[in-house]
Amino acid sequence: EVFPGRKAGSITRQEARDFMGLLGRLPTQIGKRKETKGLTVPEAVEKGAKLGLPTLSPKTINDGYLIHASAVRNWGIKERLVQFNPFTGLSVVDPVADGDRRDPFTPAQLSALFSSEPWSTPWKPGREKPGAFWVPLLCLFHGLRNGEAAGLRVEDVYETDGHPVIHIREYEGRTIKTAEARAELPIHPELLRLGFLEFVEGQRETGLFGLFPDGKASNRGQHGAKLGERFSAHVKALGLEGRKLGMHSFRHNFQDRLRAAELPYSTALALARRKELGSGGDYGFGLSLAQIAEAIAKIEYPGLDLSHLRSQA
C-alpha cells in the first residue's frame, strides 16, 4: 500500500525513513475503527489526521512494524534477493522510559481509595454499578487490565478441581490483548472473603450475561471504557497524586507485589500472564491450579485493611 508496484530491493534508506514517519501518523486499530476500516494505510493516515485519532505508540512502531520490516529484508539478503536492508537500525525514539509511564498507587493511597465510596461498606445485593465496586479489586488482586475484568461474563466464574476460578478469554464482541492474557485463574482469597462468589451467584440468578452491566462495551468494543474514566475521575477527586494514576496502575501494583512475594520466575510470569521470553512457554503449562492458587495467595498488600468490606452476615 505504501510502495505499490515497487520491487523490494528498490526501496531507499530515505524512503524507509519516510515509511517510519508515516507509521508515526498511523491511527491505532485501523482495521477495527469504523472511521478507518477498509482504508489503505495512506488513506487511514489522512483520515486520522483530519479526525484527530490517536496514533501508534513508539513501542508499537518499533516492535510491531519496523522490526518485522527489517527481518523480511534481512531474509532477502540471506537469500540474495536484495542487496541491502534500508530498515537496519531504524527506530522511533520513545522519550518516556517504560518504568516512568504510569505510577502504582502507594500503600497510603490504596488505603485512602478503598475506604472511600463505593468501598466504605460491604457489597450488598441490589446495589447499583457493581463494576465500580468489583473491577478495581479484581485488577488489584489479579493484575487484570480494565477491559479484561469489566468484560467478564457470569459464565466465566466457576469451579474447577475444587478451586473457584475466573476465566479470561475471548468471546463474540470481546478480544484479548495477547495470547498469554488468556487464563483460568484461581480467585484470590481476599476476594472470596469480600463475597465475590456470592455476588456472582446473585448475578447468575438474575439471568445476566455480563457480570458487570456498568462495564458494557462501548461502540468501539472496549469493555469498561466509561468505568475506567469514572474511576480516574474519582482518583483525581480524592486528591491522589501520581503519574497517570488510573485503573492500569493496579497492574503496576500487582507487578510490585509479585516481586515482593519472591515467586519463581516462571510462576510470576504465569500470574502476570506474560510470555516467557526465549522459551516458547505458554501460560498454564507445568503449573496446576493448586500451585497457581497457592502462589496467588501470596500476593499481599501490607497496610491495606479491607476487613470493613467483609460481610458480617
C-alpha atoms as a PDB file:
ATOM      1  CA  GLU A   1       0.000   0.000   0.000  1.00  0.00           C
ATOM      2  CA  VAL A   2       2.878   2.382   0.672  1.00  0.00           C
ATOM      3  CA  PHE A   3       5.150   1.259  -2.169  1.00  0.00           C
ATOM      4  CA  PRO A   4       2.714  -0.056  -4.813  1.00  0.00           C
ATOM      5  CA  GLY A   5       4.302  -1.853  -7.735  1.00  0.00           C
ATOM      6  CA  ARG A   6       7.817  -1.465  -6.342  1.00  0.00           C
ATOM      7  CA  LYS A   7      10.457  -4.174  -6.120  1.00  0.00           C
ATOM      8  CA  ALA A   8      11.618  -4.783  -2.550  1.00  0.00           C
ATOM      9  CA  GLY A   9      15.221  -4.049  -3.482  1.00  0.00           C
ATOM     10  CA  SER A  10      14.371  -0.612  -4.883  1.00  0.00           C
ATOM     11  CA  ILE A  11      13.365   0.950  -1.533  1.00  0.00           C
ATOM     12  CA  THR A  12      15.961   3.524  -0.462  1.00  0.00           C
ATOM     13  CA  ARG A  13      17.133   4.451   3.003  1.00  0.00           C
ATOM     14  CA  GLN A  14      15.294   7.769   2.822  1.00  0.00           C
ATOM     15  CA  GLU A  15      12.097   6.041   1.745  1.00  0.00           C
ATOM     16  CA  ALA A  16      12.452   3.700   4.731  1.00  0.00           C
ATOM     17  CA  ARG A  17      12.778   6.752   6.974  1.00  0.00           C
ATOM     18  CA  ASP A  18       9.693   8.268   5.342  1.00  0.00           C
ATOM     19  CA  PHE A  19       7.851   4.989   5.970  1.00  0.00           C
ATOM     20  CA  MET A  20       8.825   5.212   9.645  1.00  0.00           C
ATOM     21  CA  GLY A  21       7.435   8.740   9.755  1.00  0.00           C
ATOM     22  CA  LEU A  22       4.208   7.544   8.145  1.00  0.00           C
ATOM     23  CA  LEU A  23       3.789   4.930  10.876  1.00  0.00           C
ATOM     24  CA  GLY A  24       4.069   7.714  13.436  1.00  0.00           C
ATOM     25  CA  ARG A  25       0.908   9.228  11.958  1.00  0.00           C
ATOM     26  CA  LEU A  26      -0.988   5.946  11.602  1.00  0.00           C
ATOM     27  CA  PRO A  27      -4.126   5.726  13.795  1.00  0.00           C
ATOM     28  CA  THR A  28      -4.407   2.825  16.215  1.00  0.00           C
ATOM     29  CA  GLN A  29      -6.649  -0.146  15.375  1.00  0.00           C
ATOM     30  CA  ILE A  30      -7.293   0.954  11.793  1.00  0.00           C
ATOM     31  CA  GLY A  31      -8.944  -2.374  10.987  1.00  0.00           C
ATOM     32  CA  LYS A  32     -11.449  -2.054  13.825  1.00  0.00           C
ATOM     33  CA  ARG A  33     -12.316   1.639  13.857  1.00  0.00           C
ATOM     34  CA  LYS A  34     -15.396   2.420  11.805  1.00  0.00           C
ATOM     35  CA  GLU A  35     -13.686   5.636  10.649  1.00  0.00           C
ATOM     36  CA  THR A  36     -10.737   3.773   9.078  1.00  0.00           C
ATOM     37  CA  LYS A  37     -11.970   0.241   8.446  1.00  0.00           C
ATOM     38  CA  GLY A  38     -11.277  -0.793   4.853  1.00  0.00           C
ATOM     39  CA  LEU A  39      -8.925   2.108   4.128  1.00  0.00           C
ATOM     40  CA  THR A  40      -5.355   1.697   2.926  1.00  0.00           C
ATOM     41  CA  VAL A  41      -2.566   2.827   5.238  1.00  0.00           C
ATOM     42  CA  PRO A  42      -2.029   6.168   3.444  1.00  0.00           C
ATOM     43  CA  GLU A  43      -5.791   6.785   3.410  1.00  0.00           C
ATOM     44  CA  ALA A  44      -6.066   5.926   7.118  1.00  0.00           C
ATOM     45  CA  VAL A  45      -3.233   8.344   7.925  1.00  0.00           C
ATOM     46  CA  GLU A  46      -5.021  11.125   6.053  1.00  0.00           C
ATOM     47  CA  LYS A  47      -8.371  10.350   7.694  1.00  0.00           C
ATOM     48  CA  GLY A  48      -6.793  10.075  11.145  1.00  0.00           C
ATOM     49  CA  ALA A  49      -5.161  13.491  10.773  1.00  0.00           C
ATOM     50  CA  LYS A  50      -8.487  15.075   9.875  1.00  0.00           C
ATOM     51  CA  LEU A  51     -10.330  13.458  12.793  1.00  0.00           C
ATOM     52  CA  GLY A  52      -7.535  13.750  15.351  1.00  0.00           C
ATOM     53  CA  LEU A  53      -7.470   9.993  16.050  1.00  0.00           C
ATOM     54  CA  PRO A  54      -4.847   8.561  18.457  1.00  0.00           C
ATOM     55  CA  THR A  55      -1.746   7.251  16.713  1.00  0.00           C
ATOM     56  CA  LEU A  56       0.595   4.298  17.231  1.00  0.00           C
ATOM     57  CA  SER A  57       2.988   4.449  20.159  1.00  0.00           C
ATOM     58  CA  PRO A  58       6.761   4.368  19.591  1.00  0.00           C
ATOM     59  CA  LYS A  59       6.890   0.880  21.110  1.00  0.00           C
ATOM     60  CA  THR A  60       4.249  -0.418  18.686  1.00  0.00           C
ATOM     61  CA  ILE A  61       6.042   1.164  15.720  1.00  0.00           C
ATOM     62  CA  ASN A  62       9.397  -0.320  16.741  1.00  0.00           C
ATOM     63  CA  ASP A  63       8.280  -3.758  17.938  1.00  0.00           C
ATOM     64  CA  GLY A  64       5.182  -4.241  15.815  1.00  0.00           C
ATOM     65  CA  TYR A  65       6.260  -2.846  12.465  1.00  0.00           C
ATOM     66  CA  LEU A  66       9.903  -1.835  11.942  1.00  0.00           C
ATOM     67  CA  ILE A  67      11.367  -4.982  13.464  1.00  0.00           C
ATOM     68  CA  HIS A  68       9.371  -7.110  11.017  1.00  0.00           C
ATOM     69  CA  ALA A  69      10.096  -4.910   8.009  1.00  0.00           C
ATOM     70  CA  SER A  70      13.791  -5.254   8.805  1.00  0.00           C
ATOM     71  CA  ALA A  71      13.559  -9.011   9.387  1.00  0.00           C
ATOM     72  CA  VAL A  72      11.996  -9.575   5.974  1.00  0.00           C
ATOM     73  CA  ARG A  73      14.804  -7.625   4.269  1.00  0.00           C
ATOM     74  CA  ASN A  74      17.466  -9.489   6.250  1.00  0.00           C
ATOM     75  CA  TRP A  75      15.973 -12.726   4.973  1.00  0.00           C
ATOM     76  CA  GLY A  76      16.062 -11.258   1.460  1.00  0.00           C
ATOM     77  CA  ILE A  77      19.765 -10.511   1.828  1.00  0.00           C
ATOM     78  CA  LYS A  78      20.422 -14.036   3.064  1.00  0.00           C
ATOM     79  CA  GLU A  79      18.571 -15.468   0.076  1.00  0.00           C
ATOM     80  CA  ARG A  80      20.344 -12.967  -2.245  1.00  0.00           C
ATOM     81  CA  LEU A  81      17.049 -11.440  -3.353  1.00  0.00           C
ATOM     82  CA  VAL A  82      18.062  -7.907  -2.287  1.00  0.00           C
ATOM     83  CA  GLN A  83      21.471  -6.334  -1.742  1.00  0.00           C
ATOM     84  CA  PHE A  84      20.881  -4.216   1.372  1.00  0.00           C
ATOM     85  CA  ASN A  85      18.381  -3.564   4.152  1.00  0.00           C
ATOM     86  CA  PRO A  86      17.142   0.055   4.216  1.00  0.00           C
ATOM     87  CA  PHE A  87      15.431  -0.535   7.585  1.00  0.00           C
ATOM     88  CA  THR A  88      18.555  -1.593   9.501  1.00  0.00           C
ATOM     89  CA  GLY A  89      18.821   0.293  12.795  1.00  0.00           C
ATOM     90  CA  LEU A  90      15.721   2.430  12.255  1.00  0.00           C
ATOM     91  CA  SER A  91      13.643   3.030  15.358  1.00  0.00           C
ATOM     92  CA  VAL A  92      11.431   5.719  16.813  1.00  0.00           C
ATOM     93  CA  VAL A  93      12.891   7.351  19.911  1.00  0.00           C
ATOM     94  CA  ASP A  94      10.499   6.990  22.836  1.00  0.00           C
ATOM     95  CA  PRO A  95      11.008   9.896  25.253  1.00  0.00           C
ATOM     96  CA  VAL A  96       9.225   8.057  28.073  1.00  0.00           C
ATOM     97  CA  ALA A  97      11.037   5.187  29.754  1.00  0.00           C
ATOM     98  CA  ASP A  98       8.971   2.078  30.448  1.00  0.00           C
ATOM     99  CA  GLY A  99       9.324   2.492  34.199  1.00  0.00           C
ATOM    100  CA  ASP A 100       8.099   6.074  34.039  1.00  0.00           C
ATOM    101  CA  ARG A 101       4.897   5.515  32.118  1.00  0.00           C
ATOM    102  CA  ARG A 102       2.499   5.099  35.000  1.00  0.00           C
ATOM    103  CA  ASP A 103       2.840   5.094  38.758  1.00  0.00           C
ATOM    104  CA  PRO A 104       1.393   2.402  41.003  1.00  0.00           C
ATOM    105  CA  PHE A 105      -0.701   3.538  43.955  1.00  0.00           C
ATOM    106  CA  THR A 106       1.244   3.957  47.186  1.00  0.00           C
ATOM    107  CA  PRO A 107       0.108   1.981  50.260  1.00  0.00           C
ATOM    108  CA  ALA A 108      -1.363   5.162  51.756  1.00  0.00           C
ATOM    109  CA  GLN A 109      -3.216   5.886  48.513  1.00  0.00           C
ATOM    110  CA  LEU A 110      -4.643   2.364  48.391  1.00  0.00           C
ATOM    111  CA  SER A 111      -5.928   2.747  51.949  1.00  0.00           C
ATOM    112  CA  ALA A 112      -7.498   6.113  51.155  1.00  0.00           C
ATOM    113  CA  LEU A 113      -9.038   4.794  47.954  1.00  0.00           C
ATOM    114  CA  PHE A 114     -10.571   1.635  49.395  1.00  0.00           C
ATOM    115  CA  SER A 115     -12.069   3.436  52.375  1.00  0.00           C
ATOM    116  CA  SER A 116     -13.898   5.906  50.121  1.00  0.00           C
ATOM    117  CA  GLU A 117     -17.138   5.289  48.250  1.00  0.00           C
ATOM    118  CA  PRO A 118     -18.114   2.774  46.946  1.00  0.00           C
ATOM    119  CA  TRP A 119     -15.855   0.844  49.343  1.00  0.00           C
ATOM    120  CA  SER A 120     -16.992   2.396  52.612  1.00  0.00           C
ATOM    121  CA  THR A 121     -19.359  -0.549  53.253  1.00  0.00           C
ATOM    122  CA  PRO A 122     -19.523  -4.213  52.148  1.00  0.00           C
ATOM    123  CA  TRP A 123     -21.197  -5.141  48.889  1.00  0.00           C
ATOM    124  CA  LYS A 124     -24.916  -5.740  49.258  1.00  0.00           C
ATOM    125  CA  PRO A 125     -27.262  -7.337  46.712  1.00  0.00           C
ATOM    126  CA  GLY A 126     -29.270  -4.805  44.771  1.00  0.00           C
ATOM    127  CA  ARG A 127     -26.638  -2.076  44.777  1.00  0.00           C
ATOM    128  CA  GLU A 128     -26.078  -0.279  41.507  1.00  0.00           C
ATOM    129  CA  LYS A 129     -22.867  -0.202  39.466  1.00  0.00           C
ATOM    130  CA  PRO A 130     -21.240  -3.452  40.606  1.00  0.00           C
ATOM    131  CA  GLY A 131     -18.335  -2.895  38.213  1.00  0.00           C
ATOM    132  CA  ALA A 132     -17.337   0.265  40.043  1.00  0.00           C
ATOM    133  CA  PHE A 133     -17.007  -1.829  43.213  1.00  0.00           C
ATOM    134  CA  TRP A 134     -15.520  -5.112  41.965  1.00  0.00           C
ATOM    135  CA  VAL A 135     -13.452  -4.287  38.846  1.00  0.00           C
ATOM    136  CA  PRO A 136     -10.769  -2.262  40.713  1.00  0.00           C
ATOM    137  CA  LEU A 137     -10.480  -5.073  43.271  1.00  0.00           C
ATOM    138  CA  LEU A 138     -10.072  -7.672  40.521  1.00  0.00           C
ATOM    139  CA  CYS A 139      -7.389  -5.524  38.906  1.00  0.00           C
ATOM    140  CA  LEU A 140      -5.618  -5.072  42.242  1.00  0.00           C
ATOM    141  CA  PHE A 141      -5.504  -8.735  43.274  1.00  0.00           C
ATOM    142  CA  HIS A 142      -5.086 -10.315  39.831  1.00  0.00           C
ATOM    143  CA  GLY A 143      -3.307  -7.663  37.781  1.00  0.00           C
ATOM    144  CA  LEU A 144      -6.131  -7.680  35.255  1.00  0.00           C
ATOM    145  CA  ARG A 145      -6.480  -4.971  32.671  1.00  0.00           C
ATOM    146  CA  ASN A 146      -9.625  -2.882  32.981  1.00  0.00           C
ATOM    147  CA  GLY A 147     -11.257  -4.418  29.904  1.00  0.00           C
ATOM    148  CA  GLU A 148     -10.369  -7.955  30.991  1.00  0.00           C
ATOM    149  CA  ALA A 149     -12.167  -7.500  34.293  1.00  0.00           C
ATOM    150  CA  ALA A 150     -15.068  -5.388  33.061  1.00  0.00           C
ATOM    151  CA  GLY A 151     -15.743  -7.788  30.187  1.00  0.00           C
ATOM    152  CA  LEU A 152     -16.139 -10.884  32.354  1.00  0.00           C
ATOM    153  CA  ARG A 153     -19.340 -12.851  31.802  1.00  0.00           C
ATOM    154  CA  VAL A 154     -21.249 -14.643  34.533  1.00  0.00           C
ATOM    155  CA  GLU A 155     -20.238 -17.950  32.929  1.00  0.00           C
ATOM    156  CA  ASP A 156     -16.551 -17.006  33.238  1.00  0.00           C
ATOM    157  CA  VAL A 157     -16.679 -17.601  37.002  1.00  0.00           C
ATOM    158  CA  TYR A 158     -16.973 -21.252  38.028  1.00  0.00           C
ATOM    159  CA  GLU A 159     -15.219 -24.039  39.928  1.00  0.00           C
ATOM    160  CA  THR A 160     -12.516 -26.354  38.593  1.00  0.00           C
ATOM    161  CA  ASP A 161     -10.838 -29.112  40.621  1.00  0.00           C
ATOM    162  CA  GLY A 162     -12.250 -27.598  43.809  1.00  0.00           C
ATOM    163  CA  HIS A 163     -10.934 -24.108  43.043  1.00  0.00           C
ATOM    164  CA  PRO A 164     -13.223 -21.155  42.211  1.00  0.00           C
ATOM    165  CA  VAL A 165     -11.733 -19.513  39.124  1.00  0.00           C
ATOM    166  CA  ILE A 166     -12.175 -16.641  36.706  1.00  0.00           C
ATOM    167  CA  HIS A 167     -11.581 -17.365  33.043  1.00  0.00           C
ATOM    168  CA  ILE A 168     -10.061 -14.621  30.907  1.00  0.00           C
ATOM    169  CA  ARG A 169     -10.904 -15.464  27.301  1.00  0.00           C
ATOM    170  CA  GLU A 170     -12.296 -14.148  24.049  1.00  0.00           C
ATOM    171  CA  TYR A 171     -15.913 -14.375  23.015  1.00  0.00           C
ATOM    172  CA  GLU A 172     -18.017 -12.743  20.348  1.00  0.00           C
ATOM    173  CA  GLY A 173     -17.700  -8.999  20.804  1.00  0.00           C
ATOM    174  CA  ARG A 174     -14.665  -9.222  23.086  1.00  0.00           C
ATOM    175  CA  THR A 175     -10.995  -9.707  22.208  1.00  0.00           C
ATOM    176  CA  ILE A 176      -7.961 -10.309  24.434  1.00  0.00           C
ATOM    177  CA  LYS A 177      -4.828  -8.191  24.092  1.00  0.00           C
ATOM    178  CA  THR A 178      -2.335 -11.062  23.851  1.00  0.00           C
ATOM    179  CA  ALA A 179      -2.396 -14.849  23.623  1.00  0.00           C
ATOM    180  CA  GLU A 180      -0.745 -15.024  27.045  1.00  0.00           C
ATOM    181  CA  ALA A 181      -3.552 -12.966  28.581  1.00  0.00           C
ATOM    182  CA  ARG A 182      -5.918 -15.926  28.256  1.00  0.00           C
ATOM    183  CA  ALA A 183      -6.013 -17.666  31.610  1.00  0.00           C
ATOM    184  CA  GLU A 184      -8.006 -19.682  34.099  1.00  0.00           C
ATOM    185  CA  LEU A 185      -7.085 -18.056  37.424  1.00  0.00           C
ATOM    186  CA  PRO A 186      -7.943 -19.265  40.922  1.00  0.00           C
ATOM    187  CA  ILE A 187      -9.693 -16.389  42.680  1.00  0.00           C
ATOM    188  CA  HIS A 188      -7.609 -14.538  45.276  1.00  0.00           C
ATOM    189  CA  PRO A 189      -8.597 -15.425  48.869  1.00  0.00           C
ATOM    190  CA  GLU A 190      -9.277 -11.787  49.750  1.00  0.00           C
ATOM    191  CA  LEU A 191     -11.893 -11.523  47.001  1.00  0.00           C
ATOM    192  CA  LEU A 192     -13.536 -14.652  48.373  1.00  0.00           C
ATOM    193  CA  ARG A 193     -13.602 -13.121  51.852  1.00  0.00           C
ATOM    194  CA  LEU A 194     -15.224  -9.995  50.433  1.00  0.00           C
ATOM    195  CA  GLY A 195     -18.100 -12.040  48.998  1.00  0.00           C
ATOM    196  CA  PHE A 196     -17.209 -12.104  45.313  1.00  0.00           C
ATOM    197  CA  LEU A 197     -18.688 -15.563  44.733  1.00  0.00           C
ATOM    198  CA  GLU A 198     -21.938 -14.571  46.436  1.00  0.00           C
ATOM    199  CA  PHE A 199     -22.112 -11.531  44.185  1.00  0.00           C
ATOM    200  CA  VAL A 200     -21.574 -13.712  41.098  1.00  0.00           C
ATOM    201  CA  GLU A 201     -24.307 -16.114  42.155  1.00  0.00           C
ATOM    202  CA  GLY A 202     -26.678 -13.198  42.575  1.00  0.00           C
ATOM    203  CA  GLN A 203     -25.899 -12.050  39.037  1.00  0.00           C
ATOM    204  CA  ARG A 204     -26.347 -15.604  37.768  1.00  0.00           C
ATOM    205  CA  GLU A 205     -29.772 -15.897  39.395  1.00  0.00           C
ATOM    206  CA  THR A 206     -30.961 -12.775  37.611  1.00  0.00           C
ATOM    207  CA  GLY A 207     -30.002 -14.311  34.258  1.00  0.00           C
ATOM    208  CA  LEU A 208     -27.406 -11.691  33.342  1.00  0.00           C
ATOM    209  CA  PHE A 209     -24.888 -12.306  30.542  1.00  0.00           C
ATOM    210  CA  GLY A 210     -22.240  -9.781  31.526  1.00  0.00           C
ATOM    211  CA  LEU A 211     -21.058  -9.835  35.110  1.00  0.00           C
ATOM    212  CA  PHE A 212     -20.854  -6.041  35.238  1.00  0.00           C
ATOM    213  CA  PRO A 213     -23.640  -4.195  33.393  1.00  0.00           C
ATOM    214  CA  ASP A 214     -21.861  -0.888  34.058  1.00  0.00           C
ATOM    215  CA  GLY A 215     -18.782  -2.263  32.283  1.00  0.00           C
ATOM    216  CA  LYS A 216     -20.523  -2.992  28.986  1.00  0.00           C
ATOM    217  CA  ALA A 217     -18.628  -2.457  25.743  1.00  0.00           C
ATOM    218  CA  SER A 218     -18.541   0.957  24.074  1.00  0.00           C
ATOM    219  CA  ASN A 219     -19.392   1.423  20.411  1.00  0.00           C
ATOM    220  CA  ARG A 220     -15.705   0.710  19.739  1.00  0.00           C
ATOM    221  CA  GLY A 221     -15.924  -2.635  21.519  1.00  0.00           C
ATOM    222  CA  GLN A 222     -13.967  -1.519  24.584  1.00  0.00           C
ATOM    223  CA  HIS A 223     -15.339  -3.057  27.773  1.00  0.00           C
ATOM    224  CA  GLY A 224     -15.225  -0.832  30.825  1.00  0.00           C
ATOM    225  CA  ALA A 225     -14.135   2.327  28.995  1.00  0.00           C
ATOM    226  CA  LYS A 226     -16.602   4.582  30.827  1.00  0.00           C
ATOM    227  CA  LEU A 227     -15.991   2.699  34.046  1.00  0.00           C
ATOM    228  CA  GLY A 228     -12.277   3.419  33.753  1.00  0.00           C
ATOM    229  CA  GLU A 229     -12.919   7.091  33.044  1.00  0.00           C
ATOM    230  CA  ARG A 230     -15.139   7.410  36.106  1.00  0.00           C
ATOM    231  CA  PHE A 231     -12.525   5.648  38.229  1.00  0.00           C
ATOM    232  CA  SER A 232      -9.804   8.066  37.083  1.00  0.00           C
ATOM    233  CA  ALA A 233     -12.087  10.987  37.892  1.00  0.00           C
ATOM    234  CA  HIS A 234     -12.699   9.527  41.362  1.00  0.00           C
ATOM    235  CA  VAL A 235      -8.952   9.194  41.961  1.00  0.00           C
ATOM    236  CA  LYS A 236      -8.480  12.814  40.953  1.00  0.00           C
ATOM    237  CA  ALA A 237     -11.354  13.958  43.177  1.00  0.00           C
ATOM    238  CA  LEU A 238      -9.693  12.253  46.155  1.00  0.00           C
ATOM    239  CA  GLY A 239      -6.565  14.321  45.510  1.00  0.00           C
ATOM    240  CA  LEU A 240      -4.341  11.272  44.931  1.00  0.00           C
ATOM    241  CA  GLU A 241      -1.290  12.429  43.016  1.00  0.00           C
ATOM    242  CA  GLY A 242       0.939  10.431  40.698  1.00  0.00           C
ATOM    243  CA  ARG A 243       1.815   9.957  37.067  1.00  0.00           C
ATOM    244  CA  LYS A 244      -1.297   8.817  35.154  1.00  0.00           C
ATOM    245  CA  LEU A 245      -2.928   7.188  38.161  1.00  0.00           C
ATOM    246  CA  GLY A 246      -5.848   5.096  37.000  1.00  0.00           C
ATOM    247  CA  MET A 247      -7.153   1.563  36.656  1.00  0.00           C
ATOM    248  CA  HIS A 248      -4.000   0.332  34.909  1.00  0.00           C
ATOM    249  CA  SER A 249      -1.948   1.474  37.893  1.00  0.00           C
ATOM    250  CA  PHE A 250      -3.223  -1.637  39.683  1.00  0.00           C
ATOM    251  CA  ARG A 251      -1.339  -3.779  37.167  1.00  0.00           C
ATOM    252  CA  HIS A 252       1.841  -1.992  38.226  1.00  0.00           C
ATOM    253  CA  ASN A 253       0.943  -2.576  41.881  1.00  0.00           C
ATOM    254  CA  PHE A 254       0.427  -6.255  41.098  1.00  0.00           C
ATOM    255  CA  GLN A 255       3.844  -6.489  39.429  1.00  0.00           C
ATOM    256  CA  ASP A 256       5.459  -4.956  42.514  1.00  0.00           C
ATOM    257  CA  ARG A 257       3.727  -7.459  44.793  1.00  0.00           C
ATOM    258  CA  LEU A 258       4.801 -10.348  42.553  1.00  0.00           C
ATOM    259  CA  ARG A 259       8.390  -9.273  43.089  1.00  0.00           C
ATOM    260  CA  ALA A 260       7.838  -8.894  46.828  1.00  0.00           C
ATOM    261  CA  ALA A 261       6.373 -12.409  47.040  1.00  0.00           C
ATOM    262  CA  GLU A 262       9.677 -13.778  45.659  1.00  0.00           C
ATOM    263  CA  LEU A 263       7.888 -16.311  43.490  1.00  0.00           C
ATOM    264  CA  PRO A 264       9.779 -18.423  40.933  1.00  0.00           C
ATOM    265  CA  TYR A 265      10.281 -16.558  37.682  1.00  0.00           C
ATOM    266  CA  SER A 266       8.029 -18.802  35.593  1.00  0.00           C
ATOM    267  CA  THR A 267       5.290 -18.692  38.231  1.00  0.00           C
ATOM    268  CA  ALA A 268       5.372 -14.901  38.391  1.00  0.00           C
ATOM    269  CA  LEU A 269       5.124 -14.723  34.590  1.00  0.00           C
ATOM    270  CA  ALA A 270       2.147 -17.068  34.680  1.00  0.00           C
ATOM    271  CA  LEU A 271       0.303 -14.960  37.250  1.00  0.00           C
ATOM    272  CA  ALA A 272       1.062 -11.780  35.309  1.00  0.00           C
ATOM    273  CA  ARG A 273       0.051 -13.593  32.102  1.00  0.00           C
ATOM    274  CA  ARG A 274       3.201 -12.635  30.270  1.00  0.00           C
ATOM    275  CA  LYS A 275       5.144 -14.738  27.760  1.00  0.00           C
ATOM    276  CA  GLU A 276       8.329 -16.407  28.942  1.00  0.00           C
ATOM    277  CA  LEU A 277      10.916 -14.913  26.591  1.00  0.00           C
ATOM    278  CA  GLY A 278      13.044 -17.311  24.595  1.00  0.00           C
ATOM    279  CA  SER A 279      11.285 -20.433  25.807  1.00  0.00           C
ATOM    280  CA  GLY A 280       8.038 -20.519  23.890  1.00  0.00           C
ATOM    281  CA  GLY A 281       6.322 -21.270  27.192  1.00  0.00           C
ATOM    282  CA  ASP A 282       2.639 -20.501  27.417  1.00  0.00           C
ATOM    283  CA  TYR A 283       0.540 -19.759  30.448  1.00  0.00           C
ATOM    284  CA  GLY A 284      -0.654 -22.750  32.447  1.00  0.00           C
ATOM    285  CA  PHE A 285       1.762 -25.423  31.177  1.00  0.00           C
ATOM    286  CA  GLY A 286       3.578 -27.091  34.048  1.00  0.00           C
ATOM    287  CA  LEU A 287       1.503 -25.342  36.729  1.00  0.00           C
ATOM    288  CA  SER A 288      -1.525 -26.962  38.329  1.00  0.00           C
ATOM    289  CA  LEU A 289      -4.463 -24.930  39.607  1.00  0.00           C
ATOM    290  CA  ALA A 290      -3.411 -25.861  43.133  1.00  0.00           C
ATOM    291  CA  GLN A 291       0.052 -24.404  42.513  1.00  0.00           C
ATOM    292  CA  ILE A 292      -1.387 -21.236  40.996  1.00  0.00           C
ATOM    293  CA  ALA A 293      -3.848 -20.875  43.879  1.00  0.00           C
ATOM    294  CA  GLU A 294      -1.007 -21.210  46.393  1.00  0.00           C
ATOM    295  CA  ALA A 295       1.005 -18.597  44.520  1.00  0.00           C
ATOM    296  CA  ILE A 296      -1.823 -16.077  44.114  1.00  0.00           C
ATOM    297  CA  ALA A 297      -2.498 -16.249  47.861  1.00  0.00           C
ATOM    298  CA  LYS A 298       0.993 -14.816  48.411  1.00  0.00           C
ATOM    299  CA  ILE A 299       0.009 -11.544  46.724  1.00  0.00           C
ATOM    300  CA  GLU A 300      -0.483  -9.244  49.705  1.00  0.00           C
ATOM    301  CA  TYR A 301      -0.708  -5.502  50.241  1.00  0.00           C
ATOM    302  CA  PRO A 302       0.828  -4.625  53.604  1.00  0.00           C
ATOM    303  CA  GLY A 303      -1.056  -1.791  55.295  1.00  0.00           C
ATOM    304  CA  LEU A 304      -4.217  -2.287  53.248  1.00  0.00           C
ATOM    305  CA  ASP A 305      -7.021  -3.371  55.588  1.00  0.00           C
ATOM    306  CA  LEU A 306     -10.206  -4.385  53.792  1.00  0.00           C
ATOM    307  CA  SER A 307     -11.885  -6.032  56.771  1.00  0.00           C
ATOM    308  CA  HIS A 308     -14.602  -3.330  56.701  1.00  0.00           C
ATOM    309  CA  LEU A 309     -15.705  -4.708  53.329  1.00  0.00           C
ATOM    310  CA  ARG A 310     -16.307  -8.220  54.617  1.00  0.00           C
ATOM    311  CA  SER A 311     -19.961  -9.042  55.131  1.00  0.00           C
ATOM    312  CA  GLN A 312     -20.878  -9.623  58.766  1.00  0.00           C
ATOM    313  CA  ALA A 313     -23.959 -11.673  57.833  1.00  0.00           C
END
